[in-house]
Structures are given as C-alpha cells and as structure tokens.
Amino acid sequence: MAVAELKKMSWSERWRLTKEQEALWRADLRLMKEGAQEEGEQKGHAEGLAEGEQKGEAKKQREIARRMKARGRPVAEIIEDTGLAAEEVERL
C-alpha cells in the first residue's frame, strides 16, 4: 500500500488493517502447522509399515530356518537359503 494512502487513513482504519493482516498471518501459520503435522503423520505411518514388513520378513526367515534345521539340513545351506547369520541359525 502506498505511503500517501496510508497517511490518509485514520488510526482506526490503520488498526483494522493491521488486525486483518494479523488474522491472515495467523490463519496461514495454522494451515502450515496442520500441513506439517499431516505430513509427519504420513511419514510416521509409512516408516511404521516398512518396519513392520521388515520384522515380518525376518520372522518368516527364522521360521523357515527352524524347519530346515528340524529336517537336518546343514547350517551352511540354511544360511544360504535364508540369509540369516550363522549365530542366529545356531540359536534356533
């Protein structure tokens, strides 16, 4: 807004304009916070799903290793087929 126009305004008009700008700023800030929160929730959900999938896959590999070990398969074969560490296969 031009300085000349601002000088023509009364103090009450300037005050109203300032309050309107403040309200707009607060509304923008609230929307940004809400957007950031939603983005954080989506990221957390995706990370949780990925972690759950990894844990499920590891559990599945351990179960396969248990069955192979119960059938008398060599540890080296179990390691190769499941990708588990030798120590983990020995603990099963």
C-alpha atoms as a PDB file:
ATOM      1  CA  MET A   1       0.000   0.000   0.000  1.00  0.00           C
ATOM      2  CA  ALA A   2       1.385   3.400  -0.868  1.00  0.00           C
ATOM      3  CA  VAL A   3       2.569   5.711   1.907  1.00  0.00           C
ATOM      4  CA  ALA A   4       0.253   8.511   0.743  1.00  0.00           C
ATOM      5  CA  GLU A   5      -2.780   6.228   1.010  1.00  0.00           C
ATOM      6  CA  LEU A   6      -1.693   5.080   4.439  1.00  0.00           C
ATOM      7  CA  LYS A   7      -1.366   8.681   5.632  1.00  0.00           C
ATOM      8  CA  LYS A   8      -4.958   9.387   4.504  1.00  0.00           C
ATOM      9  CA  MET A   9      -6.311   6.610   6.732  1.00  0.00           C
ATOM     10  CA  SER A  10      -7.496   7.281  10.238  1.00  0.00           C
ATOM     11  CA  TRP A  11      -5.861   5.491  13.138  1.00  0.00           C
ATOM     12  CA  SER A  12      -8.881   3.221  13.492  1.00  0.00           C
ATOM     13  CA  GLU A  13      -8.656   2.249   9.808  1.00  0.00           C
ATOM     14  CA  ARG A  14      -4.936   1.549  10.196  1.00  0.00           C
ATOM     15  CA  TRP A  15      -5.657  -0.512  13.311  1.00  0.00           C
ATOM     16  CA  ARG A  16      -8.355  -2.515  11.469  1.00  0.00           C
ATOM     17  CA  LEU A  17      -5.989  -3.131   8.552  1.00  0.00           C
ATOM     18  CA  THR A  18      -3.247  -4.272  10.935  1.00  0.00           C
ATOM     19  CA  LYS A  19      -5.645  -6.647  12.704  1.00  0.00           C
ATOM     20  CA  GLU A  20      -6.857  -8.070   9.376  1.00  0.00           C
ATOM     21  CA  GLN A  21      -3.271  -8.688   8.292  1.00  0.00           C
ATOM     22  CA  GLU A  22      -2.517 -10.331  11.628  1.00  0.00           C
ATOM     23  CA  ALA A  23      -5.571 -12.573  11.296  1.00  0.00           C
ATOM     24  CA  LEU A  24      -4.483 -13.603   7.796  1.00  0.00           C
ATOM     25  CA  TRP A  25      -0.972 -14.300   9.043  1.00  0.00           C
ATOM     26  CA  ARG A  26      -2.297 -16.442  11.908  1.00  0.00           C
ATOM     27  CA  ALA A  27      -4.560 -18.365   9.519  1.00  0.00           C
ATOM     28  CA  ASP A  28      -1.602 -19.023   7.194  1.00  0.00           C
ATOM     29  CA  LEU A  29       0.516 -20.153  10.137  1.00  0.00           C
ATOM     30  CA  ARG A  30      -2.234 -22.522  11.340  1.00  0.00           C
ATOM     31  CA  LEU A  31      -2.554 -24.039   7.863  1.00  0.00           C
ATOM     32  CA  MET A  32       1.203 -24.525   7.628  1.00  0.00           C
ATOM     33  CA  LYS A  33       1.269 -26.248  11.030  1.00  0.00           C
ATOM     34  CA  GLU A  34      -1.620 -28.513  10.074  1.00  0.00           C
ATOM     35  CA  GLY A  35       0.107 -29.407   6.801  1.00  0.00           C
ATOM     36  CA  ALA A  36       3.368 -30.168   8.585  1.00  0.00           C
ATOM     37  CA  GLN A  37       1.552 -32.309  11.150  1.00  0.00           C
ATOM     38  CA  GLU A  38      -0.251 -34.274   8.446  1.00  0.00           C
ATOM     39  CA  GLU A  39       3.000 -34.754   6.541  1.00  0.00           C
ATOM     40  CA  GLY A  40       4.679 -36.004   9.733  1.00  0.00           C
ATOM     41  CA  GLU A  41       1.847 -38.429  10.418  1.00  0.00           C
ATOM     42  CA  GLN A  42       2.033 -39.823   6.882  1.00  0.00           C
ATOM     43  CA  LYS A  43       5.805 -40.223   7.134  1.00  0.00           C
ATOM     44  CA  GLY A  44       5.489 -41.954  10.503  1.00  0.00           C
ATOM     45  CA  HIS A  45       2.822 -44.284   9.133  1.00  0.00           C
ATOM     46  CA  ALA A  46       4.978 -45.202   6.123  1.00  0.00           C
ATOM     47  CA  GLU A  47       8.013 -45.807   8.341  1.00  0.00           C
ATOM     48  CA  GLY A  48       5.925 -47.958  10.674  1.00  0.00           C
ATOM     49  CA  LEU A  49       4.670 -50.055   7.786  1.00  0.00           C
ATOM     50  CA  ALA A  50       8.182 -50.527   6.423  1.00  0.00           C
ATOM     51  CA  GLU A  51       9.478 -51.547   9.853  1.00  0.00           C
ATOM     52  CA  GLY A  52       6.593 -53.989  10.292  1.00  0.00           C
ATOM     53  CA  GLU A  53       7.281 -55.541   6.902  1.00  0.00           C
ATOM     54  CA  GLN A  54      10.970 -55.969   7.777  1.00  0.00           C
ATOM     55  CA  LYS A  55      10.141 -57.612  11.088  1.00  0.00           C
ATOM     56  CA  GLY A  56       7.625 -59.896   9.415  1.00  0.00           C
ATOM     57  CA  GLU A  57      10.130 -60.931   6.762  1.00  0.00           C
ATOM     58  CA  ALA A  58      12.791 -61.656   9.413  1.00  0.00           C
ATOM     59  CA  LYS A  59      10.286 -63.723  11.407  1.00  0.00           C
ATOM     60  CA  LYS A  60       9.405 -65.670   8.267  1.00  0.00           C
ATOM     61  CA  GLN A  61      13.081 -66.394   7.532  1.00  0.00           C
ATOM     62  CA  ARG A  62      13.646 -67.621  11.099  1.00  0.00           C
ATOM     63  CA  GLU A  63      10.637 -69.946  10.820  1.00  0.00           C
ATOM     64  CA  ILE A  64      11.950 -71.365   7.542  1.00  0.00           C
ATOM     65  CA  ALA A  65      15.359 -71.853   9.164  1.00  0.00           C
ATOM     66  CA  ARG A  66      13.763 -73.674  12.127  1.00  0.00           C
ATOM     67  CA  ARG A  67      12.004 -76.076   9.786  1.00  0.00           C
ATOM     68  CA  MET A  68      15.144 -76.659   7.736  1.00  0.00           C
ATOM     69  CA  LYS A  69      17.150 -77.285  10.904  1.00  0.00           C
ATOM     70  CA  ALA A  70      14.483 -79.706  12.186  1.00  0.00           C
ATOM     71  CA  ARG A  71      14.797 -81.625   8.928  1.00  0.00           C
ATOM     72  CA  GLY A  72      18.538 -81.958   9.420  1.00  0.00           C
ATOM     73  CA  ARG A  73      19.694 -79.535   6.721  1.00  0.00           C
ATOM     74  CA  PRO A  74      23.298 -78.317   7.013  1.00  0.00           C
ATOM     75  CA  VAL A  75      23.777 -74.930   8.669  1.00  0.00           C
ATOM     76  CA  ALA A  76      25.598 -73.600   5.596  1.00  0.00           C
ATOM     77  CA  GLU A  77      22.565 -74.423   3.437  1.00  0.00           C
ATOM     78  CA  ILE A  78      20.194 -72.760   5.913  1.00  0.00           C
ATOM     79  CA  ILE A  79      22.353 -69.632   5.940  1.00  0.00           C
ATOM     80  CA  GLU A  80      22.458 -69.540   2.154  1.00  0.00           C
ATOM     81  CA  ASP A  81      18.702 -70.074   1.736  1.00  0.00           C
ATOM     82  CA  THR A  82      17.517 -67.696   4.471  1.00  0.00           C
ATOM     83  CA  GLY A  83      20.228 -65.046   4.641  1.00  0.00           C
ATOM     84  CA  LEU A  84      20.394 -65.400   8.429  1.00  0.00           C
ATOM     85  CA  ALA A  85      23.680 -65.157  10.307  1.00  0.00           C
ATOM     86  CA  ALA A  86      25.323 -68.388  11.458  1.00  0.00           C
ATOM     87  CA  GLU A  87      24.916 -67.381  15.121  1.00  0.00           C
ATOM     88  CA  GLU A  88      21.192 -66.855  14.667  1.00  0.00           C
ATOM     89  CA  VAL A  89      20.767 -70.234  12.955  1.00  0.00           C
ATOM     90  CA  GLU A  90      22.683 -71.921  15.772  1.00  0.00           C
ATOM     91  CA  ARG A  91      20.356 -70.320  18.367  1.00  0.00           C
ATOM     92  CA  LEU A  92      17.232 -71.745  16.709  1.00  0.00           C
END
